[in-house]
PDB file of N, CA and C in Angstrom:
ATOM      1  N   MET A   1     108.654 127.297  56.483  1.00  0.00           N
ATOM      2  CA  MET A   1     108.343 128.670  56.147  1.00  0.00           C
ATOM      3  C   MET A   1     108.444 128.825  54.643  1.00  0.00           C
ATOM      4  N   ASP A   2     107.295 128.717  54.009  1.00  0.00           N
ATOM      5  CA  ASP A   2     107.276 128.716  52.566  1.00  0.00           C
ATOM      6  C   ASP A   2     107.697 130.059  51.972  1.00  0.00           C
ATOM      7  N   GLY A   3     108.628 129.970  51.014  1.00  0.00           N
ATOM      8  CA  GLY A   3     109.077 131.145  50.295  1.00  0.00           C
ATOM      9  C   GLY A   3     110.110 132.000  51.018  1.00  0.00           C
ATOM     10  N   ILE A   4     110.423 131.658  52.249  1.00  0.00           N
ATOM     11  CA  ILE A   4     111.371 132.461  53.012  1.00  0.00           C
ATOM     12  C   ILE A   4     112.620 131.630  53.289  1.00  0.00           C
ATOM     13  N   ASP A   5     113.765 132.114  52.817  1.00  0.00           N
ATOM     14  CA  ASP A   5     115.038 131.445  53.078  1.00  0.00           C
ATOM     15  C   ASP A   5     115.590 131.975  54.401  1.00  0.00           C
ATOM     16  N   LEU A   6     115.380 131.214  55.461  1.00  0.00           N
ATOM     17  CA  LEU A   6     115.733 131.644  56.806  1.00  0.00           C
ATOM     18  C   LEU A   6     117.215 131.964  56.949  1.00  0.00           C
ATOM     19  N   GLN A   7     118.068 131.179  56.324  1.00  0.00           N
ATOM     20  CA  GLN A   7     119.510 131.416  56.422  1.00  0.00           C
ATOM     21  C   GLN A   7     119.893 132.760  55.805  1.00  0.00           C
ATOM     22  N   LYS A   8     119.329 133.096  54.648  1.00  0.00           N
ATOM     23  CA  LYS A   8     119.617 134.380  54.001  1.00  0.00           C
ATOM     24  C   LYS A   8     119.102 135.545  54.843  1.00  0.00           C
ATOM     25  N   ILE A   9     117.929 135.362  55.420  1.00  0.00           N
ATOM     26  CA  ILE A   9     117.351 136.413  56.267  1.00  0.00           C
ATOM     27  C   ILE A   9     118.248 136.673  57.465  1.00  0.00           C
ATOM     28  N   GLU A  10     118.707 135.605  58.116  1.00  0.00           N
ATOM     29  CA  GLU A  10     119.570 135.767  59.287  1.00  0.00           C
ATOM     30  C   GLU A  10     120.897 136.424  58.916  1.00  0.00           C
ATOM     31  N   GLN A  11     121.457 136.079  57.758  1.00  0.00           N
ATOM     32  CA  GLN A  11     122.712 136.686  57.320  1.00  0.00           C
ATOM     33  C   GLN A  11     122.539 138.165  56.992  1.00  0.00           C
ATOM     34  N   ALA A  12     121.364 138.544  56.521  1.00  0.00           N
ATOM     35  CA  ALA A  12     121.103 139.935  56.141  1.00  0.00           C
ATOM     36  C   ALA A  12     120.635 140.782  57.321  1.00  0.00           C
ATOM     37  N   SER A  13     120.531 140.174  58.514  1.00  0.00           N
ATOM     38  CA  SER A  13     119.984 140.878  59.676  1.00  0.00           C
ATOM     39  C   SER A  13     120.944 140.812  60.859  1.00  0.00           C
ATOM     40  N   PRO A  14     121.907 141.731  60.938  1.00  0.00           N
ATOM     41  CA  PRO A  14     122.833 141.749  62.077  1.00  0.00           C
ATOM     42  C   PRO A  14     122.068 141.962  63.385  1.00  0.00           C
ATOM     43  N   ILE A  15     122.307 141.100  64.358  1.00  0.00           N
ATOM     44  CA  ILE A  15     121.509 141.085  65.585  1.00  0.00           C
ATOM     45  C   ILE A  15     121.565 142.395  66.359  1.00  0.00           C
ATOM     46  N   LEU A  16     122.716 143.036  66.415  1.00  0.00           N
ATOM     47  CA  LEU A  16     122.812 144.302  67.143  1.00  0.00           C
ATOM     48  C   LEU A  16     121.972 145.384  66.465  1.00  0.00           C
ATOM     49  N   GLN A  17     122.025 145.442  65.163  1.00  0.00           N
ATOM     50  CA  GLN A  17     121.244 146.428  64.420  1.00  0.00           C
ATOM     51  C   GLN A  17     119.750 146.182  64.602  1.00  0.00           C
ATOM     52  N   VAL A  18     119.336 144.918  64.543  1.00  0.00           N
ATOM     53  CA  VAL A  18     117.924 144.579  64.727  1.00  0.00           C
ATOM     54  C   VAL A  18     117.476 144.923  66.146  1.00  0.00           C
ATOM     55  N   ALA A  19     118.316 144.631  67.145  1.00  0.00           N
ATOM     56  CA  ALA A  19     117.974 144.941  68.541  1.00  0.00           C
ATOM     57  C   ALA A  19     117.737 146.437  68.717  1.00  0.00           C
ATOM     58  N   ILE A  20     118.600 147.242  68.136  1.00  0.00           N
ATOM     59  CA  ILE A  20     118.459 148.697  68.232  1.00  0.00           C
ATOM     60  C   ILE A  20     117.178 149.150  67.531  1.00  0.00           C
ATOM     61  N   GLU A  21     116.904 148.590  66.349  1.00  0.00           N
ATOM     62  CA  GLU A  21     115.687 148.943  65.616  1.00  0.00           C
ATOM     63  C   GLU A  21     114.429 148.564  66.391  1.00  0.00           C
ATOM     64  N   LEU A  22     114.505 147.489  67.181  1.00  0.00           N
ATOM     65  CA  LEU A  22     113.366 147.073  67.987  1.00  0.00           C
ATOM     66  C   LEU A  22     113.159 147.982  69.198  1.00  0.00           C
ATOM     67  N   GLY A  23     114.191 148.734  69.560  1.00  0.00           N
ATOM     68  CA  GLY A  23     114.078 149.633  70.703  1.00  0.00           C
ATOM     69  C   GLY A  23     114.771 149.142  71.957  1.00  0.00           C
ATOM     70  N   ILE A  24     115.594 148.117  71.822  1.00  0.00           N
ATOM     71  CA  ILE A  24     116.343 147.595  72.963  1.00  0.00           C
ATOM     72  C   ILE A  24     117.551 148.494  73.189  1.00  0.00           C
ATOM     73  N   LYS A  25     117.746 148.912  74.437  1.00  0.00           N
ATOM     74  CA  LYS A  25     118.910 149.745  74.756  1.00  0.00           C
ATOM     75  C   LYS A  25     120.153 148.856  74.719  1.00  0.00           C
ATOM     76  N   VAL A  26     121.110 149.221  73.857  1.00  0.00           N
ATOM     77  CA  VAL A  26     122.314 148.415  73.643  1.00  0.00           C
ATOM     78  C   VAL A  26     123.550 149.260  73.921  1.00  0.00           C
ATOM     79  N   GLN A  27     124.511 148.667  74.628  1.00  0.00           N
ATOM     80  CA  GLN A  27     125.835 149.263  74.834  1.00  0.00           C
ATOM     81  C   GLN A  27     126.853 148.186  74.526  1.00  0.00           C
ATOM     82  N   GLY A  28     127.646 148.412  73.502  1.00  0.00           N
ATOM     83  CA  GLY A  28     128.613 147.394  73.089  1.00  0.00           C
ATOM     84  C   GLY A  28     127.874 146.151  72.628  1.00  0.00           C
ATOM     85  N   ASN A  29     128.186 145.008  73.253  1.00  0.00           N
ATOM     86  CA  ASN A  29     127.526 143.743  72.921  1.00  0.00           C
ATOM     87  C   ASN A  29     126.520 143.336  73.995  1.00  0.00           C
ATOM     88  N   MET A  30     126.078 144.297  74.800  1.00  0.00           N
ATOM     89  CA  MET A  30     125.134 144.001  75.877  1.00  0.00           C
ATOM     90  C   MET A  30     123.913 144.896  75.746  1.00  0.00           C
ATOM     91  N   GLY A  31     122.802 144.425  76.302  1.00  0.00           N
ATOM     92  CA  GLY A  31     121.578 145.211  76.255  1.00  0.00           C
ATOM     93  C   GLY A  31     120.723 144.980  77.481  1.00  0.00           C
ATOM     94  N   ARG A  32     119.711 145.811  77.607  1.00  0.00           N
ATOM     95  CA  ARG A  32     118.764 145.680  78.707  1.00  0.00           C
ATOM     96  C   ARG A  32     117.695 144.677  78.295  1.00  0.00           C
ATOM     97  N   CYS A  33     117.453 143.686  79.138  1.00  0.00           N
ATOM     98  CA  CYS A  33     116.477 142.638  78.840  1.00  0.00           C
ATOM     99  C   CYS A  33     115.075 143.223  78.755  1.00  0.00           C
ATOM    100  N   PHE A  34     114.324 142.774  77.758  1.00  0.00           N
ATOM    101  CA  PHE A  34     112.966 143.238  77.562  1.00  0.00           C
ATOM    102  C   PHE A  34     111.966 142.488  78.442  1.00  0.00           C
ATOM    103  N   LYS A  35     112.445 141.526  79.227  1.00  0.00           N
ATOM    104  CA  LYS A  35     111.602 140.818  80.193  1.00  0.00           C
ATOM    105  C   LYS A  35     112.191 140.953  81.598  1.00  0.00           C
ATOM    106  N   SER A  36     112.729 142.119  81.901  1.00  0.00           N
ATOM    107  CA  SER A  36     113.419 142.325  83.179  1.00  0.00           C
ATOM    108  C   SER A  36     112.495 142.198  84.388  1.00  0.00           C
ATOM    109  N   GLU A  37     111.184 142.274  84.166  1.00  0.00           N
ATOM    110  CA  GLU A  37     110.268 142.080  85.289  1.00  0.00           C
ATOM    111  C   GLU A  37     110.353 140.654  85.846  1.00  0.00           C
ATOM    112  N   GLN A  38     110.916 139.721  85.081  1.00  0.00           N
ATOM    113  CA  GLN A  38     111.104 138.336  85.532  1.00  0.00           C
ATOM    114  C   GLN A  38     112.356 138.163  86.387  1.00  0.00           C
ATOM    115  N   HIS A  39     113.217 139.149  86.434  1.00  0.00           N
ATOM    116  CA  HIS A  39     114.488 139.046  87.149  1.00  0.00           C
ATOM    117  C   HIS A  39     114.256 139.196  88.651  1.00  0.00           C
ATOM    118  N   CYS A  40     114.252 138.094  89.387  1.00  0.00           N
ATOM    119  CA  CYS A  40     114.036 138.198  90.834  1.00  0.00           C
ATOM    120  C   CYS A  40     115.317 138.661  91.514  1.00  0.00           C
ATOM    121  N   GLY A  41     115.181 139.719  92.265  1.00  0.00           N
ATOM    122  CA  GLY A  41     116.295 140.218  93.063  1.00  0.00           C
ATOM    123  C   GLY A  41     117.395 140.901  92.286  1.00  0.00           C
ATOM    124  N   ALA A  42     117.261 141.020  90.987  1.00  0.00           N
ATOM    125  CA  ALA A  42     118.306 141.653  90.177  1.00  0.00           C
ATOM    126  C   ALA A  42     117.894 143.076  89.818  1.00  0.00           C
ATOM    127  N   ASP A  43     118.866 143.895  89.525  1.00  0.00           N
ATOM    128  CA  ASP A  43     118.619 145.260  89.077  1.00  0.00           C
ATOM    129  C   ASP A  43     117.954 145.201  87.703  1.00  0.00           C
ATOM    130  N   ARG A  44     116.755 145.721  87.606  1.00  0.00           N
ATOM    131  CA  ARG A  44     116.001 145.653  86.347  1.00  0.00           C
ATOM    132  C   ARG A  44     116.566 146.563  85.271  1.00  0.00           C
ATOM    133  N   GLU A  45     117.422 147.485  85.657  1.00  0.00           N
ATOM    134  CA  GLU A  45     118.048 148.387  84.692  1.00  0.00           C
ATOM    135  C   GLU A  45     119.395 147.845  84.203  1.00  0.00           C
ATOM    136  N   ALA A  46     119.845 146.745  84.792  1.00  0.00           N
ATOM    137  CA  ALA A  46     121.155 146.183  84.444  1.00  0.00           C
ATOM    138  C   ALA A  46     121.149 145.609  83.027  1.00  0.00           C
ATOM    139  N   MET A  47     122.294 145.628  82.427  1.00  0.00           N
ATOM    140  CA  MET A  47     122.476 145.053  81.093  1.00  0.00           C
ATOM    141  C   MET A  47     122.665 143.542  81.260  1.00  0.00           C
ATOM    142  N   THR A  48     121.623 142.780  80.977  1.00  0.00           N
ATOM    143  CA  THR A  48     121.692 141.328  81.163  1.00  0.00           C
ATOM    144  C   THR A  48     121.550 140.549  79.867  1.00  0.00           C
ATOM    145  N   LEU A  49     121.298 141.245  78.753  1.00  0.00           N
ATOM    146  CA  LEU A  49     121.261 140.588  77.447  1.00  0.00           C
ATOM    147  C   LEU A  49     122.669 140.604  76.868  1.00  0.00           C
ATOM    148  N   PHE A  50     123.106 139.478  76.395  1.00  0.00           N
ATOM    149  CA  PHE A  50     124.426 139.374  75.781  1.00  0.00           C
ATOM    150  C   PHE A  50     124.251 138.988  74.320  1.00  0.00           C
ATOM    151  N   PHE A  51     124.843 139.785  73.432  1.00  0.00           N
ATOM    152  CA  PHE A  51     124.763 139.547  71.994  1.00  0.00           C
ATOM    153  C   PHE A  51     126.090 139.006  71.493  1.00  0.00           C
ATOM    154  N   ASN A  52     126.017 138.014  70.610  1.00  0.00           N
ATOM    155  CA  ASN A  52     127.195 137.458  69.964  1.00  0.00           C
ATOM    156  C   ASN A  52     127.066 137.758  68.468  1.00  0.00           C
ATOM    157  N   PRO A  53     127.634 138.882  68.016  1.00  0.00           N
ATOM    158  CA  PRO A  53     127.478 139.271  66.612  1.00  0.00           C
ATOM    159  C   PRO A  53     128.059 138.263  65.620  1.00  0.00           C
ATOM    160  N   SER A  54     129.109 137.549  66.001  1.00  0.00           N
ATOM    161  CA  SER A  54     129.711 136.596  65.062  1.00  0.00           C
ATOM    162  C   SER A  54     128.804 135.388  64.813  1.00  0.00           C
ATOM    163  N   ARG A  55     127.992 135.026  65.794  1.00  0.00           N
ATOM    164  CA  ARG A  55     127.048 133.914  65.629  1.00  0.00           C
ATOM    165  C   ARG A  55     125.622 134.412  65.406  1.00  0.00           C
ATOM    166  N   ASN A  56     125.423 135.737  65.537  1.00  0.00           N
ATOM    167  CA  ASN A  56     124.115 136.363  65.363  1.00  0.00           C
ATOM    168  C   ASN A  56     123.096 135.793  66.360  1.00  0.00           C
ATOM    169  N   THR A  57     123.540 135.656  67.627  1.00  0.00           N
ATOM    170  CA  THR A  57     122.693 135.089  68.674  1.00  0.00           C
ATOM    171  C   THR A  57     122.680 136.007  69.894  1.00  0.00           C
ATOM    172  N   PHE A  58     121.803 135.680  70.850  1.00  0.00           N
ATOM    173  CA  PHE A  58     121.702 136.451  72.083  1.00  0.00           C
ATOM    174  C   PHE A  58     121.180 135.557  73.197  1.00  0.00           C
ATOM    175  N   PHE A  59     121.366 135.993  74.449  1.00  0.00           N
ATOM    176  CA  PHE A  59     120.755 135.330  75.602  1.00  0.00           C
ATOM    177  C   PHE A  59     120.727 136.307  76.766  1.00  0.00           C
ATOM    178  N   CYS A  60     119.830 136.039  77.723  1.00  0.00           N
ATOM    179  CA  CYS A  60     119.764 136.804  78.963  1.00  0.00           C
ATOM    180  C   CYS A  60     120.299 135.914  80.072  1.00  0.00           C
ATOM    181  N   LYS A  61     121.150 136.479  80.929  1.00  0.00           N
ATOM    182  CA  LYS A  61     121.746 135.656  81.979  1.00  0.00           C
ATOM    183  C   LYS A  61     120.752 135.306  83.086  1.00  0.00           C
ATOM    184  N   PHE A  62     119.593 135.955  83.132  1.00  0.00           N
ATOM    185  CA  PHE A  62     118.584 135.648  84.148  1.00  0.00           C
ATOM    186  C   PHE A  62     117.382 134.883  83.609  1.00  0.00           C
ATOM    187  N   CYS A  63     116.994 135.136  82.376  1.00  0.00           N
ATOM    188  CA  CYS A  63     115.771 134.538  81.806  1.00  0.00           C
ATOM    189  C   CYS A  63     116.111 133.287  81.000  1.00  0.00           C
ATOM    190  N   GLN A  64     115.553 132.170  81.391  1.00  0.00           N
ATOM    191  CA  GLN A  64     115.797 130.935  80.647  1.00  0.00           C
ATOM    192  C   GLN A  64     115.079 130.913  79.308  1.00  0.00           C
ATOM    193  N   ASP A  65     113.999 131.689  79.183  1.00  0.00           N
ATOM    194  CA  ASP A  65     113.211 131.678  77.956  1.00  0.00           C
ATOM    195  C   ASP A  65     113.565 132.814  77.000  1.00  0.00           C
ATOM    196  N   VAL A  66     114.644 133.529  77.270  1.00  0.00           N
ATOM    197  CA  VAL A  66     115.065 134.631  76.404  1.00  0.00           C
ATOM    198  C   VAL A  66     116.428 134.280  75.814  1.00  0.00           C
ATOM    199  N   GLY A  67     116.441 134.086  74.508  1.00  0.00           N
ATOM    200  CA  GLY A  67     117.697 133.769  73.838  1.00  0.00           C
ATOM    201  C   GLY A  67     117.441 133.070  72.521  1.00  0.00           C
ATOM    202  N   GLY A  68     118.484 132.999  71.695  1.00  0.00           N
ATOM    203  CA  GLY A  68     118.394 132.311  70.417  1.00  0.00           C
ATOM    204  C   GLY A  68     118.985 133.132  69.284  1.00  0.00           C
ATOM    205  N   SER A  69     118.384 132.975  68.115  1.00  0.00           N
ATOM    206  CA  SER A  69     118.864 133.645  66.903  1.00  0.00           C
ATOM    207  C   SER A  69     118.212 135.014  66.754  1.00  0.00           C
ATOM    208  N   VAL A  70     118.537 135.697  65.676  1.00  0.00           N
ATOM    209  CA  VAL A  70     117.931 136.998  65.401  1.00  0.00           C
ATOM    210  C   VAL A  70     116.428 136.853  65.155  1.00  0.00           C
ATOM    211  N   VAL A  71     116.009 135.734  64.573  1.00  0.00           N
ATOM    212  CA  VAL A  71     114.578 135.473  64.379  1.00  0.00           C
ATOM    213  C   VAL A  71     113.897 135.324  65.741  1.00  0.00           C
ATOM    214  N   ASP A  72     114.562 134.616  66.657  1.00  0.00           N
ATOM    215  CA  ASP A  72     114.025 134.452  68.012  1.00  0.00           C
ATOM    216  C   ASP A  72     113.935 135.796  68.736  1.00  0.00           C
ATOM    217  N   LEU A  73     114.904 136.663  68.516  1.00  0.00           N
ATOM    218  CA  LEU A  73     114.884 137.982  69.149  1.00  0.00           C
ATOM    219  C   LEU A  73     113.618 138.750  68.746  1.00  0.00           C
ATOM    220  N   VAL A  74     113.339 138.789  67.459  1.00  0.00           N
ATOM    221  CA  VAL A  74     112.150 139.489  66.970  1.00  0.00           C
ATOM    222  C   VAL A  74     110.895 138.807  67.504  1.00  0.00           C
ATOM    223  N   SER A  75     110.858 137.498  67.451  1.00  0.00           N
ATOM    224  CA  SER A  75     109.711 136.731  67.914  1.00  0.00           C
ATOM    225  C   SER A  75     109.428 136.977  69.393  1.00  0.00           C
ATOM    226  N   GLN A  76     110.458 136.881  70.227  1.00  0.00           N
ATOM    227  CA  GLN A  76     110.288 137.045  71.663  1.00  0.00           C
ATOM    228  C   GLN A  76     109.987 138.498  72.038  1.00  0.00           C
ATOM    229  N   TYR A  77     110.651 139.428  71.407  1.00  0.00           N
ATOM    230  CA  TYR A  77     110.449 140.844  71.731  1.00  0.00           C
ATOM    231  C   TYR A  77     109.046 141.316  71.345  1.00  0.00           C
ATOM    232  N   ARG A  78     108.613 140.952  70.140  1.00  0.00           N
ATOM    233  CA  ARG A  78     107.321 141.417  69.642  1.00  0.00           C
ATOM    234  C   ARG A  78     106.156 140.521  70.043  1.00  0.00           C
ATOM    235  N   GLY A  79     106.453 139.338  70.617  1.00  0.00           N
ATOM    236  CA  GLY A  79     105.390 138.423  71.034  1.00  0.00           C
ATOM    237  C   GLY A  79     104.664 137.786  69.858  1.00  0.00           C
ATOM    238  N   ILE A  80     105.427 137.459  68.811  1.00  0.00           N
ATOM    239  CA  ILE A  80     104.855 136.836  67.612  1.00  0.00           C
ATOM    240  C   ILE A  80     105.551 135.504  67.370  1.00  0.00           C
ATOM    241  N   ASP A  81     104.987 134.675  66.486  1.00  0.00           N
ATOM    242  CA  ASP A  81     105.635 133.386  66.215  1.00  0.00           C
ATOM    243  C   ASP A  81     106.830 133.571  65.274  1.00  0.00           C
ATOM    244  N   ARG A  82     107.616 132.508  65.139  1.00  0.00           N
ATOM    245  CA  ARG A  82     108.849 132.578  64.344  1.00  0.00           C
ATOM    246  C   ARG A  82     108.570 132.896  62.873  1.00  0.00           C
ATOM    247  N   GLU A  83     107.469 132.392  62.333  1.00  0.00           N
ATOM    248  CA  GLU A  83     107.146 132.668  60.927  1.00  0.00           C
ATOM    249  C   GLU A  83     106.896 134.151  60.706  1.00  0.00           C
ATOM    250  N   GLU A  84     106.135 134.764  61.605  1.00  0.00           N
ATOM    251  CA  GLU A  84     105.876 136.200  61.499  1.00  0.00           C
ATOM    252  C   GLU A  84     107.162 136.998  61.671  1.00  0.00           C
ATOM    253  N   ALA A  85     108.016 136.550  62.595  1.00  0.00           N
ATOM    254  CA  ALA A  85     109.294 137.233  62.824  1.00  0.00           C
ATOM    255  C   ALA A  85     110.182 137.139  61.586  1.00  0.00           C
ATOM    256  N   ALA A  86     110.222 135.967  60.959  1.00  0.00           N
ATOM    257  CA  ALA A  86     111.020 135.797  59.742  1.00  0.00           C
ATOM    258  C   ALA A  86     110.480 136.674  58.619  1.00  0.00           C
ATOM    259  N   ALA A  87     109.161 136.768  58.511  1.00  0.00           N
ATOM    260  CA  ALA A  87     108.549 137.624  57.484  1.00  0.00           C
ATOM    261  C   ALA A  87     108.880 139.093  57.758  1.00  0.00           C
ATOM    262  N   TRP A  88     108.864 139.505  59.031  1.00  0.00           N
ATOM    263  CA  TRP A  88     109.209 140.876  59.397  1.00  0.00           C
ATOM    264  C   TRP A  88     110.653 141.178  59.003  1.00  0.00           C
ATOM    265  N   LEU A  89     111.557 140.245  59.303  1.00  0.00           N
ATOM    266  CA  LEU A  89     112.968 140.435  58.948  1.00  0.00           C
ATOM    267  C   LEU A  89     113.161 140.444  57.435  1.00  0.00           C
ATOM    268  N   ALA A  90     112.422 139.592  56.714  1.00  0.00           N
ATOM    269  CA  ALA A  90     112.527 139.548  55.250  1.00  0.00           C
ATOM    270  C   ALA A  90     112.087 140.881  54.659  1.00  0.00           C
ATOM    271  N   HIS A  91     110.985 141.420  55.165  1.00  0.00           N
ATOM    272  CA  HIS A  91     110.502 142.719  54.686  1.00  0.00           C
ATOM    273  C   HIS A  91     111.526 143.811  54.981  1.00  0.00           C
ATOM    274  N   ARG A  92     112.097 143.764  56.186  1.00  0.00           N
ATOM    275  CA  ARG A  92     113.112 144.740  56.592  1.00  0.00           C
ATOM    276  C   ARG A  92     114.322 144.671  55.654  1.00  0.00           C
ATOM    277  N   SER A  93     114.791 143.461  55.361  1.00  0.00           N
ATOM    278  CA  SER A  93     115.959 143.277  54.487  1.00  0.00           C
ATOM    279  C   SER A  93     115.652 143.736  53.067  1.00  0.00           C
ATOM    280  N   GLU A  94     114.469 143.408  52.591  1.00  0.00           N
ATOM    281  CA  GLU A  94     114.073 143.809  51.239  1.00  0.00           C
ATOM    282  C   GLU A  94     113.990 145.332  51.139  1.00  0.00           C
ATOM    283  N   PHE A  95     113.424 145.961  52.161  1.00  0.00           N
ATOM    284  CA  PHE A  95     113.322 147.418  52.190  1.00  0.00           C
ATOM    285  C   PHE A  95     114.713 148.047  52.175  1.00  0.00           C
ATOM    286  N   ASP A  96     115.642 147.513  52.993  1.00  0.00           N
ATOM    287  CA  ASP A  96     117.011 148.029  53.024  1.00  0.00           C
ATOM    288  C   ASP A  96     117.670 147.914  51.663  1.00  0.00           C
ATOM    289  N   LEU A  97     117.495 146.782  51.003  1.00  0.00           N
ATOM    290  CA  LEU A  97     118.105 146.560  49.694  1.00  0.00           C
ATOM    291  C   LEU A  97     117.532 147.531  48.657  1.00  0.00           C
ATOM    292  N   LEU A  98     116.219 147.683  48.626  1.00  0.00           N
ATOM    293  CA  LEU A  98     115.596 148.606  47.670  1.00  0.00           C
ATOM    294  C   LEU A  98     116.026 150.044  47.927  1.00  0.00           C
ATOM    295  N   THR A  99     116.110 150.435  49.190  1.00  0.00           N
ATOM    296  CA  THR A  99     116.533 151.786  49.546  1.00  0.00           C
ATOM    297  C   THR A  99     117.974 152.028  49.107  1.00  0.00           C
ATOM    298  N   ARG A 100     118.837 151.046  49.367  1.00  0.00           N
ATOM    299  CA  ARG A 100     120.237 151.173  48.961  1.00  0.00           C
ATOM    300  C   ARG A 100     120.356 151.321  47.453  1.00  0.00           C
ATOM    301  N   GLN A 101     119.608 150.491  46.702  1.00  0.00           N
ATOM    302  CA  GLN A 101     119.669 150.548  45.245  1.00  0.00           C
ATOM    303  C   GLN A 101     119.167 151.893  44.724  1.00  0.00           C
ATOM    304  N   ARG A 102     118.151 152.405  45.365  1.00  0.00           N
ATOM    305  CA  ARG A 102     117.550 153.655  44.898  1.00  0.00           C
ATOM    306  C   ARG A 102     118.414 154.871  45.211  1.00  0.00           C
ATOM    307  N   TYR A 103     119.028 154.899  46.400  1.00  0.00           N
ATOM    308  CA  TYR A 103     119.683 156.124  46.862  1.00  0.00           C
ATOM    309  C   TYR A 103     121.204 156.070  46.961  1.00  0.00           C
ATOM    310  N   HIS A 104     121.804 154.891  46.920  1.00  0.00           N
ATOM    311  CA  HIS A 104     123.260 154.808  47.087  1.00  0.00           C
ATOM    312  C   HIS A 104     123.973 155.542  45.958  1.00  0.00           C
ATOM    313  N   GLY A 105     124.789 156.485  46.326  1.00  0.00           N
ATOM    314  CA  GLY A 105     125.580 157.221  45.352  1.00  0.00           C
ATOM    315  C   GLY A 105     124.871 158.399  44.731  1.00  0.00           C
ATOM    316  N   LYS A 106     123.607 158.585  45.021  1.00  0.00           N
ATOM    317  CA  LYS A 106     122.884 159.731  44.462  1.00  0.00           C
ATOM    318  C   LYS A 106     123.374 161.004  45.141  1.00  0.00           C
ATOM    319  N   GLY A 107     123.515 162.040  44.372  1.00  0.00           N
ATOM    320  CA  GLY A 107     123.940 163.323  44.903  1.00  0.00           C
ATOM    321  C   GLY A 107     125.445 163.468  45.031  1.00  0.00           C
ATOM    322  N   ARG A 108     126.181 162.435  44.677  1.00  0.00           N
ATOM    323  CA  ARG A 108     127.644 162.555  44.732  1.00  0.00           C
ATOM    324  C   ARG A 108     128.138 163.220  43.457  1.00  0.00           C
ATOM    325  N   LYS A 109     129.209 163.959  43.616  1.00  0.00           N
ATOM    326  CA  LYS A 109     129.803 164.601  42.456  1.00  0.00           C
ATOM    327  C   LYS A 109     130.523 163.558  41.628  1.00  0.00           C
ATOM    328  N   LYS A 110     130.340 163.652  40.328  1.00  0.00           N
ATOM    329  CA  LYS A 110     131.035 162.732  39.439  1.00  0.00           C
ATOM    330  C   LYS A 110     132.417 163.276  39.164  1.00  0.00           C
ATOM    331  N   MET A 111     133.374 162.410  39.196  1.00  0.00           N
ATOM    332  CA  MET A 111     134.759 162.841  38.997  1.00  0.00           C
ATOM    333  C   MET A 111     135.220 162.543  37.623  1.00  0.00           C
TER     334      MET A 111
END
């Protein structure tokens, strides 16, 4: 992935925050699987995605093809390849950084 430092992108993209931004319903460290139609005999509304914030990874206890890093989460959820997912995360991180630089501390009273 030319020009994209994958390790920096993953460090700047907390998996729980990215999952919420993608629209995945999250409670604590668990979420509703975005491929729940594959769950045979299981409650499709059940929380079957497990997030590990310390490792920035996730997996579904029913789907063998759902799991991995934060880049994999974006890739699998949006149906895009890993390069596009990394670029999406890089843009997201860059936008967050620029927004923070522009607005952090603005409007506060000076002491």
